[in-house]
Amino acid sequence: MDEMTYTVTLTAKELTFRERARKAGIPAIVVSMYAGALQRLVDKERPWVGLTDEDRQELAAEQHSWEGLCFAVEAKLKEQNGGDF
């Protein structure tokens, strides 16, 4: 069988992504096979936005039950974090 030589060129973004994956313990073969899908997940990452003291006070004052408060908190967090979490 003849030997084959491959040359792979990666961008700085790809190198950074692969290093993050390595540090997270993701096997290199998995990263190679699913790099596109994994990169799309990472690209969607954004900082979590929590509730301020003012948000908490406002939500608590508006609700008359624990269940209502839970739904209101969930809705507020979804609103502040792009609709999903």
PDB file of N, CA and C in Angstrom:
ATOM      1  N   MET A   1       0.847  -1.171   0.000  1.00  0.00           N
ATOM      2  CA  MET A   1       0.000   0.000   0.000  1.00  0.00           C
ATOM      3  C   MET A   1       0.896   1.240   0.000  1.00  0.00           C
ATOM      4  N   ASP A   2       0.538   2.206  -0.823  1.00  0.00           N
ATOM      5  CA  ASP A   2       1.302   3.441  -0.910  1.00  0.00           C
ATOM      6  C   ASP A   2       0.959   4.365   0.252  1.00  0.00           C
ATOM      7  N   GLU A   3       1.963   5.092   0.698  1.00  0.00           N
ATOM      8  CA  GLU A   3       1.754   6.079   1.755  1.00  0.00           C
ATOM      9  C   GLU A   3       1.172   7.343   1.158  1.00  0.00           C
ATOM     10  N   MET A   4       0.320   7.995   1.931  1.00  0.00           N
ATOM     11  CA  MET A   4      -0.257   9.260   1.491  1.00  0.00           C
ATOM     12  C   MET A   4       0.145  10.343   2.478  1.00  0.00           C
ATOM     13  N   THR A   5       0.408  11.502   1.957  1.00  0.00           N
ATOM     14  CA  THR A   5       0.769  12.638   2.787  1.00  0.00           C
ATOM     15  C   THR A   5      -0.342  13.678   2.667  1.00  0.00           C
ATOM     16  N   TYR A   6      -0.774  14.200   3.813  1.00  0.00           N
ATOM     17  CA  TYR A   6      -1.826  15.204   3.836  1.00  0.00           C
ATOM     18  C   TYR A   6      -1.292  16.485   4.457  1.00  0.00           C
ATOM     19  N   THR A   7      -1.755  17.587   3.937  1.00  0.00           N
ATOM     20  CA  THR A   7      -1.452  18.883   4.523  1.00  0.00           C
ATOM     21  C   THR A   7      -2.781  19.527   4.893  1.00  0.00           C
ATOM     22  N   VAL A   8      -2.902  19.942   6.132  1.00  0.00           N
ATOM     23  CA  VAL A   8      -4.129  20.573   6.613  1.00  0.00           C
ATOM     24  C   VAL A   8      -3.792  21.983   7.059  1.00  0.00           C
ATOM     25  N   THR A   9      -4.560  22.935   6.579  1.00  0.00           N
ATOM     26  CA  THR A   9      -4.366  24.327   6.975  1.00  0.00           C
ATOM     27  C   THR A   9      -5.549  24.753   7.837  1.00  0.00           C
ATOM     28  N   LEU A  10      -5.253  25.249   9.025  1.00  0.00           N
ATOM     29  CA  LEU A  10      -6.296  25.685   9.946  1.00  0.00           C
ATOM     30  C   LEU A  10      -6.172  27.182  10.188  1.00  0.00           C
ATOM     31  N   THR A  11      -7.312  27.832  10.361  1.00  0.00           N
ATOM     32  CA  THR A  11      -7.310  29.251  10.704  1.00  0.00           C
ATOM     33  C   THR A  11      -7.023  29.402  12.194  1.00  0.00           C
ATOM     34  N   ALA A  12      -6.752  30.621  12.611  1.00  0.00           N
ATOM     35  CA  ALA A  12      -6.518  30.890  14.034  1.00  0.00           C
ATOM     36  C   ALA A  12      -7.761  30.526  14.853  1.00  0.00           C
ATOM     37  N   LYS A  13      -8.946  30.802  14.301  1.00  0.00           N
ATOM     38  CA  LYS A  13     -10.193  30.475  14.993  1.00  0.00           C
ATOM     39  C   LYS A  13     -10.319  28.965  15.169  1.00  0.00           C
ATOM     40  N   GLU A  14     -10.005  28.206  14.127  1.00  0.00           N
ATOM     41  CA  GLU A  14     -10.071  26.746  14.208  1.00  0.00           C
ATOM     42  C   GLU A  14      -9.066  26.194  15.218  1.00  0.00           C
ATOM     43  N   LEU A  15      -7.878  26.766  15.232  1.00  0.00           N
ATOM     44  CA  LEU A  15      -6.867  26.323  16.195  1.00  0.00           C
ATOM     45  C   LEU A  15      -7.314  26.592  17.629  1.00  0.00           C
ATOM     46  N   THR A  16      -7.867  27.771  17.851  1.00  0.00           N
ATOM     47  CA  THR A  16      -8.363  28.127  19.182  1.00  0.00           C
ATOM     48  C   THR A  16      -9.482  27.178  19.598  1.00  0.00           C
ATOM     49  N   PHE A  17     -10.388  26.898  18.663  1.00  0.00           N
ATOM     50  CA  PHE A  17     -11.495  25.990  18.948  1.00  0.00           C
ATOM     51  C   PHE A  17     -10.968  24.603  19.301  1.00  0.00           C
ATOM     52  N   ARG A  18     -10.027  24.095  18.532  1.00  0.00           N
ATOM     53  CA  ARG A  18      -9.480  22.763  18.785  1.00  0.00           C
ATOM     54  C   ARG A  18      -8.746  22.704  20.131  1.00  0.00           C
ATOM     55  N   GLU A  19      -8.089  23.791  20.503  1.00  0.00           N
ATOM     56  CA  GLU A  19      -7.407  23.834  21.800  1.00  0.00           C
ATOM     57  C   GLU A  19      -8.429  23.819  22.940  1.00  0.00           C
ATOM     58  N   ARG A  20      -9.510  24.572  22.790  1.00  0.00           N
ATOM     59  CA  ARG A  20     -10.573  24.563  23.806  1.00  0.00           C
ATOM     60  C   ARG A  20     -11.166  23.168  23.956  1.00  0.00           C
ATOM     61  N   ALA A  21     -11.383  22.511  22.818  1.00  0.00           N
ATOM     62  CA  ALA A  21     -11.944  21.157  22.834  1.00  0.00           C
ATOM     63  C   ALA A  21     -10.989  20.188  23.521  1.00  0.00           C
ATOM     64  N   ARG A  22      -9.707  20.327  23.241  1.00  0.00           N
ATOM     65  CA  ARG A  22      -8.698  19.456  23.864  1.00  0.00           C
ATOM     66  C   ARG A  22      -8.719  19.644  25.376  1.00  0.00           C
ATOM     67  N   LYS A  23      -8.746  20.911  25.819  1.00  0.00           N
ATOM     68  CA  LYS A  23      -8.762  21.198  27.256  1.00  0.00           C
ATOM     69  C   LYS A  23     -10.038  20.680  27.917  1.00  0.00           C
ATOM     70  N   ALA A  24     -11.142  20.631  27.144  1.00  0.00           N
ATOM     71  CA  ALA A  24     -12.413  20.127  27.676  1.00  0.00           C
ATOM     72  C   ALA A  24     -12.461  18.603  27.677  1.00  0.00           C
ATOM     73  N   GLY A  25     -11.421  17.984  27.116  1.00  0.00           N
ATOM     74  CA  GLY A  25     -11.359  16.526  27.115  1.00  0.00           C
ATOM     75  C   GLY A  25     -12.070  15.858  25.953  1.00  0.00           C
ATOM     76  N   ILE A  26     -12.408  16.620  24.917  1.00  0.00           N
ATOM     77  CA  ILE A  26     -13.066  16.038  23.749  1.00  0.00           C
ATOM     78  C   ILE A  26     -11.988  15.411  22.867  1.00  0.00           C
ATOM     79  N   PRO A  27     -12.113  14.128  22.544  1.00  0.00           N
ATOM     80  CA  PRO A  27     -11.102  13.466  21.719  1.00  0.00           C
ATOM     81  C   PRO A  27     -10.930  14.144  20.356  1.00  0.00           C
ATOM     82  N   ALA A  28      -9.706  14.208  19.893  1.00  0.00           N
ATOM     83  CA  ALA A  28      -9.397  14.877  18.626  1.00  0.00           C
ATOM     84  C   ALA A  28     -10.188  14.287  17.468  1.00  0.00           C
ATOM     85  N   ILE A  29     -10.412  12.983  17.464  1.00  0.00           N
ATOM     86  CA  ILE A  29     -11.160  12.357  16.367  1.00  0.00           C
ATOM     87  C   ILE A  29     -12.594  12.864  16.336  1.00  0.00           C
ATOM     88  N   VAL A  30     -13.186  13.085  17.514  1.00  0.00           N
ATOM     89  CA  VAL A  30     -14.555  13.611  17.587  1.00  0.00           C
ATOM     90  C   VAL A  30     -14.582  15.041  17.060  1.00  0.00           C
ATOM     91  N   VAL A  31     -13.603  15.824  17.446  1.00  0.00           N
ATOM     92  CA  VAL A  31     -13.523  17.208  16.971  1.00  0.00           C
ATOM     93  C   VAL A  31     -13.371  17.215  15.459  1.00  0.00           C
ATOM     94  N   SER A  32     -12.524  16.352  14.925  1.00  0.00           N
ATOM     95  CA  SER A  32     -12.318  16.303  13.483  1.00  0.00           C
ATOM     96  C   SER A  32     -13.596  15.903  12.746  1.00  0.00           C
ATOM     97  N   MET A  33     -14.292  14.923  13.279  1.00  0.00           N
ATOM     98  CA  MET A  33     -15.492  14.422  12.608  1.00  0.00           C
ATOM     99  C   MET A  33     -16.659  15.398  12.693  1.00  0.00           C
ATOM    100  N   TYR A  34     -16.773  16.104  13.814  1.00  0.00           N
ATOM    101  CA  TYR A  34     -17.943  16.947  14.047  1.00  0.00           C
ATOM    102  C   TYR A  34     -17.584  18.416  14.258  1.00  0.00           C
ATOM    103  N   ALA A  35     -16.471  18.846  13.693  1.00  0.00           N
ATOM    104  CA  ALA A  35     -15.984  20.213  13.921  1.00  0.00           C
ATOM    105  C   ALA A  35     -17.020  21.260  13.552  1.00  0.00           C
ATOM    106  N   GLY A  36     -17.687  21.096  12.428  1.00  0.00           N
ATOM    107  CA  GLY A  36     -18.678  22.088  11.993  1.00  0.00           C
ATOM    108  C   GLY A  36     -19.815  22.243  12.978  1.00  0.00           C
ATOM    109  N   ALA A  37     -20.391  21.124  13.398  1.00  0.00           N
ATOM    110  CA  ALA A  37     -21.514  21.165  14.342  1.00  0.00           C
ATOM    111  C   ALA A  37     -21.077  21.703  15.694  1.00  0.00           C
ATOM    112  N   LEU A  38     -19.920  21.253  16.167  1.00  0.00           N
ATOM    113  CA  LEU A  38     -19.409  21.737  17.454  1.00  0.00           C
ATOM    114  C   LEU A  38     -19.124  23.225  17.394  1.00  0.00           C
ATOM    115  N   GLN A  39     -18.564  23.696  16.289  1.00  0.00           N
ATOM    116  CA  GLN A  39     -18.243  25.126  16.155  1.00  0.00           C
ATOM    117  C   GLN A  39     -19.520  25.961  16.163  1.00  0.00           C
ATOM    118  N   ARG A  40     -20.588  25.465  15.528  1.00  0.00           N
ATOM    119  CA  ARG A  40     -21.852  26.214  15.538  1.00  0.00           C
ATOM    120  C   ARG A  40     -22.387  26.348  16.960  1.00  0.00           C
ATOM    121  N   LEU A  41     -22.233  25.293  17.764  1.00  0.00           N
ATOM    122  CA  LEU A  41     -22.667  25.372  19.160  1.00  0.00           C
ATOM    123  C   LEU A  41     -21.862  26.405  19.935  1.00  0.00           C
ATOM    124  N   VAL A  42     -20.554  26.399  19.735  1.00  0.00           N
ATOM    125  CA  VAL A  42     -19.684  27.344  20.429  1.00  0.00           C
ATOM    126  C   VAL A  42     -19.976  28.770  19.979  1.00  0.00           C
ATOM    127  N   ASP A  43     -20.228  28.958  18.696  1.00  0.00           N
ATOM    128  CA  ASP A  43     -20.524  30.293  18.166  1.00  0.00           C
ATOM    129  C   ASP A  43     -21.784  30.878  18.781  1.00  0.00           C
ATOM    130  N   LYS A  44     -22.715  29.996  19.207  1.00  0.00           N
ATOM    131  CA  LYS A  44     -23.960  30.467  19.814  1.00  0.00           C
ATOM    132  C   LYS A  44     -23.781  30.866  21.274  1.00  0.00           C
ATOM    133  N   GLU A  45     -22.645  30.519  21.865  1.00  0.00           N
ATOM    134  CA  GLU A  45     -22.424  30.831  23.276  1.00  0.00           C
ATOM    135  C   GLU A  45     -22.479  32.336  23.507  1.00  0.00           C
ATOM    136  N   ARG A  46     -23.076  32.699  24.584  1.00  0.00           N
ATOM    137  CA  ARG A  46     -23.104  34.106  24.988  1.00  0.00           C
ATOM    138  C   ARG A  46     -23.175  34.149  26.505  1.00  0.00           C
ATOM    139  N   PRO A  47     -22.759  35.242  27.084  1.00  0.00           N
ATOM    140  CA  PRO A  47     -22.777  35.321  28.545  1.00  0.00           C
ATOM    141  C   PRO A  47     -24.211  35.249  29.091  1.00  0.00           C
ATOM    142  N   TRP A  48     -24.353  34.573  30.206  1.00  0.00           N
ATOM    143  CA  TRP A  48     -25.640  34.456  30.881  1.00  0.00           C
ATOM    144  C   TRP A  48     -26.002  35.791  31.511  1.00  0.00           C
ATOM    145  N   VAL A  49     -27.261  36.190  31.362  1.00  0.00           N
ATOM    146  CA  VAL A  49     -27.759  37.417  31.967  1.00  0.00           C
ATOM    147  C   VAL A  49     -28.760  37.015  33.041  1.00  0.00           C
ATOM    148  N   GLY A  50     -28.459  37.377  34.269  1.00  0.00           N
ATOM    149  CA  GLY A  50     -29.337  37.041  35.385  1.00  0.00           C
ATOM    150  C   GLY A  50     -30.285  38.175  35.721  1.00  0.00           C
ATOM    151  N   LEU A  51     -30.959  38.044  36.816  1.00  0.00           N
ATOM    152  CA  LEU A  51     -31.893  39.068  37.265  1.00  0.00           C
ATOM    153  C   LEU A  51     -31.198  40.057  38.192  1.00  0.00           C
ATOM    154  N   THR A  52     -31.570  41.305  38.051  1.00  0.00           N
ATOM    155  CA  THR A  52     -31.052  42.336  38.953  1.00  0.00           C
ATOM    156  C   THR A  52     -31.921  42.349  40.212  1.00  0.00           C
ATOM    157  N   ASP A  53     -31.457  43.044  41.224  1.00  0.00           N
ATOM    158  CA  ASP A  53     -32.263  43.185  42.439  1.00  0.00           C
ATOM    159  C   ASP A  53     -33.603  43.838  42.103  1.00  0.00           C
ATOM    160  N   GLU A  54     -33.560  44.820  41.205  1.00  0.00           N
ATOM    161  CA  GLU A  54     -34.790  45.507  40.787  1.00  0.00           C
ATOM    162  C   GLU A  54     -35.747  44.529  40.091  1.00  0.00           C
ATOM    163  N   ASP A  55     -35.215  43.678  39.211  1.00  0.00           N
ATOM    164  CA  ASP A  55     -36.040  42.664  38.542  1.00  0.00           C
ATOM    165  C   ASP A  55     -36.712  41.763  39.562  1.00  0.00           C
ATOM    166  N   ARG A  56     -35.939  41.290  40.554  1.00  0.00           N
ATOM    167  CA  ARG A  56     -36.479  40.381  41.571  1.00  0.00           C
ATOM    168  C   ARG A  56     -37.613  41.035  42.368  1.00  0.00           C
ATOM    169  N   GLN A  57     -37.372  42.282  42.783  1.00  0.00           N
ATOM    170  CA  GLN A  57     -38.382  42.989  43.573  1.00  0.00           C
ATOM    171  C   GLN A  57     -39.653  43.213  42.758  1.00  0.00           C
ATOM    172  N   GLU A  58     -39.478  43.597  41.492  1.00  0.00           N
ATOM    173  CA  GLU A  58     -40.615  43.849  40.618  1.00  0.00           C
ATOM    174  C   GLU A  58     -41.426  42.564  40.383  1.00  0.00           C
ATOM    175  N   LEU A  59     -40.716  41.469  40.093  1.00  0.00           N
ATOM    176  CA  LEU A  59     -41.406  40.198  39.851  1.00  0.00           C
ATOM    177  C   LEU A  59     -42.132  39.699  41.094  1.00  0.00           C
ATOM    178  N   ALA A  60     -41.490  39.814  42.248  1.00  0.00           N
ATOM    179  CA  ALA A  60     -42.100  39.354  43.498  1.00  0.00           C
ATOM    180  C   ALA A  60     -43.341  40.184  43.835  1.00  0.00           C
ATOM    181  N   ALA A  61     -43.292  41.489  43.573  1.00  0.00           N
ATOM    182  CA  ALA A  61     -44.417  42.365  43.890  1.00  0.00           C
ATOM    183  C   ALA A  61     -45.616  42.090  42.981  1.00  0.00           C
ATOM    184  N   GLU A  62     -45.353  41.640  41.760  1.00  0.00           N
ATOM    185  CA  GLU A  62     -46.428  41.411  40.789  1.00  0.00           C
ATOM    186  C   GLU A  62     -47.134  40.072  40.966  1.00  0.00           C
ATOM    187  N   GLN A  63     -46.525  39.127  41.652  1.00  0.00           N
ATOM    188  CA  GLN A  63     -47.063  37.768  41.721  1.00  0.00           C
ATOM    189  C   GLN A  63     -47.751  37.513  43.053  1.00  0.00           C
ATOM    190  N   HIS A  64     -48.769  36.663  42.998  1.00  0.00           N
ATOM    191  CA  HIS A  64     -49.530  36.344  44.208  1.00  0.00           C
ATOM    192  C   HIS A  64     -49.427  34.866  44.588  1.00  0.00           C
ATOM    193  N   SER A  65     -48.620  34.122  43.839  1.00  0.00           N
ATOM    194  CA  SER A  65     -48.434  32.702  44.165  1.00  0.00           C
ATOM    195  C   SER A  65     -47.015  32.288  43.767  1.00  0.00           C
ATOM    196  N   TRP A  66     -46.559  31.186  44.365  1.00  0.00           N
ATOM    197  CA  TRP A  66     -45.225  30.677  44.011  1.00  0.00           C
ATOM    198  C   TRP A  66     -45.183  30.259  42.557  1.00  0.00           C
ATOM    199  N   GLU A  67     -46.262  29.635  42.108  1.00  0.00           N
ATOM    200  CA  GLU A  67     -46.316  29.175  40.719  1.00  0.00           C
ATOM    201  C   GLU A  67     -46.231  30.363  39.755  1.00  0.00           C
ATOM    202  N   GLY A  68     -46.955  31.402  40.053  1.00  0.00           N
ATOM    203  CA  GLY A  68     -46.912  32.602  39.216  1.00  0.00           C
ATOM    204  C   GLY A  68     -45.533  33.226  39.200  1.00  0.00           C
ATOM    205  N   LEU A  69     -44.900  33.240  40.372  1.00  0.00           N
ATOM    206  CA  LEU A  69     -43.548  33.793  40.464  1.00  0.00           C
ATOM    207  C   LEU A  69     -42.571  32.970  39.625  1.00  0.00           C
ATOM    208  N   CYS A  70     -42.688  31.643  39.690  1.00  0.00           N
ATOM    209  CA  CYS A  70     -41.798  30.771  38.901  1.00  0.00           C
ATOM    210  C   CYS A  70     -41.943  31.045  37.417  1.00  0.00           C
ATOM    211  N   PHE A  71     -43.182  31.133  36.936  1.00  0.00           N
ATOM    212  CA  PHE A  71     -43.414  31.409  35.518  1.00  0.00           C
ATOM    213  C   PHE A  71     -42.888  32.786  35.124  1.00  0.00           C
ATOM    214  N   ALA A  72     -43.075  33.775  35.998  1.00  0.00           N
ATOM    215  CA  ALA A  72     -42.615  35.136  35.705  1.00  0.00           C
ATOM    216  C   ALA A  72     -41.091  35.203  35.641  1.00  0.00           C
ATOM    217  N   VAL A  73     -40.414  34.506  36.564  1.00  0.00           N
ATOM    218  CA  VAL A  73     -38.948  34.482  36.577  1.00  0.00           C
ATOM    219  C   VAL A  73     -38.443  33.800  35.308  1.00  0.00           C
ATOM    220  N   GLU A  74     -39.036  32.668  34.951  1.00  0.00           N
ATOM    221  CA  GLU A  74     -38.628  31.961  33.737  1.00  0.00           C
ATOM    222  C   GLU A  74     -38.797  32.844  32.503  1.00  0.00           C
ATOM    223  N   ALA A  75     -39.925  33.525  32.391  1.00  0.00           N
ATOM    224  CA  ALA A  75     -40.187  34.390  31.244  1.00  0.00           C
ATOM    225  C   ALA A  75     -39.176  35.538  31.178  1.00  0.00           C
ATOM    226  N   LYS A  76     -38.868  36.118  32.320  1.00  0.00           N
ATOM    227  CA  LYS A  76     -37.921  37.237  32.364  1.00  0.00           C
ATOM    228  C   LYS A  76     -36.522  36.773  31.949  1.00  0.00           C
ATOM    229  N   LEU A  77     -36.093  35.612  32.443  1.00  0.00           N
ATOM    230  CA  LEU A  77     -34.776  35.091  32.075  1.00  0.00           C
ATOM    231  C   LEU A  77     -34.708  34.755  30.585  1.00  0.00           C
ATOM    232  N   LYS A  78     -35.770  34.176  30.048  1.00  0.00           N
ATOM    233  CA  LYS A  78     -35.801  33.895  28.606  1.00  0.00           C
ATOM    234  C   LYS A  78     -35.698  35.188  27.811  1.00  0.00           C
ATOM    235  N   GLU A  79     -36.419  36.200  28.227  1.00  0.00           N
ATOM    236  CA  GLU A  79     -36.378  37.493  27.545  1.00  0.00           C
ATOM    237  C   GLU A  79     -34.969  38.081  27.540  1.00  0.00           C
ATOM    238  N   GLN A  80     -34.306  38.025  28.674  1.00  0.00           N
ATOM    239  CA  GLN A  80     -32.973  38.618  28.808  1.00  0.00           C
ATOM    240  C   GLN A  80     -31.872  37.788  28.159  1.00  0.00           C
ATOM    241  N   ASN A  81     -32.139  36.518  27.861  1.00  0.00           N
ATOM    242  CA  ASN A  81     -31.109  35.634  27.319  1.00  0.00           C
ATOM    243  C   ASN A  81     -31.441  35.151  25.913  1.00  0.00           C
ATOM    244  N   GLY A  82     -32.160  35.953  25.175  1.00  0.00           N
ATOM    245  CA  GLY A  82     -32.394  35.640  23.777  1.00  0.00           C
ATOM    246  C   GLY A  82     -33.446  34.589  23.514  1.00  0.00           C
ATOM    247  N   GLY A  83     -34.320  34.328  24.454  1.00  0.00           N
ATOM    248  CA  GLY A  83     -35.433  33.439  24.222  1.00  0.00           C
ATOM    249  C   GLY A  83     -35.236  31.987  24.550  1.00  0.00           C
ATOM    250  N   ASP A  84     -34.020  31.568  24.883  1.00  0.00           N
ATOM    251  CA  ASP A  84     -33.810  30.169  25.221  1.00  0.00           C
ATOM    252  C   ASP A  84     -32.687  30.034  26.225  1.00  0.00           C
ATOM    253  N   PHE A  85     -32.733  28.959  26.970  1.00  0.00           N
ATOM    254  CA  PHE A  85     -31.642  28.639  27.909  1.00  0.00           C
ATOM    255  C   PHE A  85     -31.645  27.207  28.248  1.00  0.00           C
TER     256      PHE A  85
END
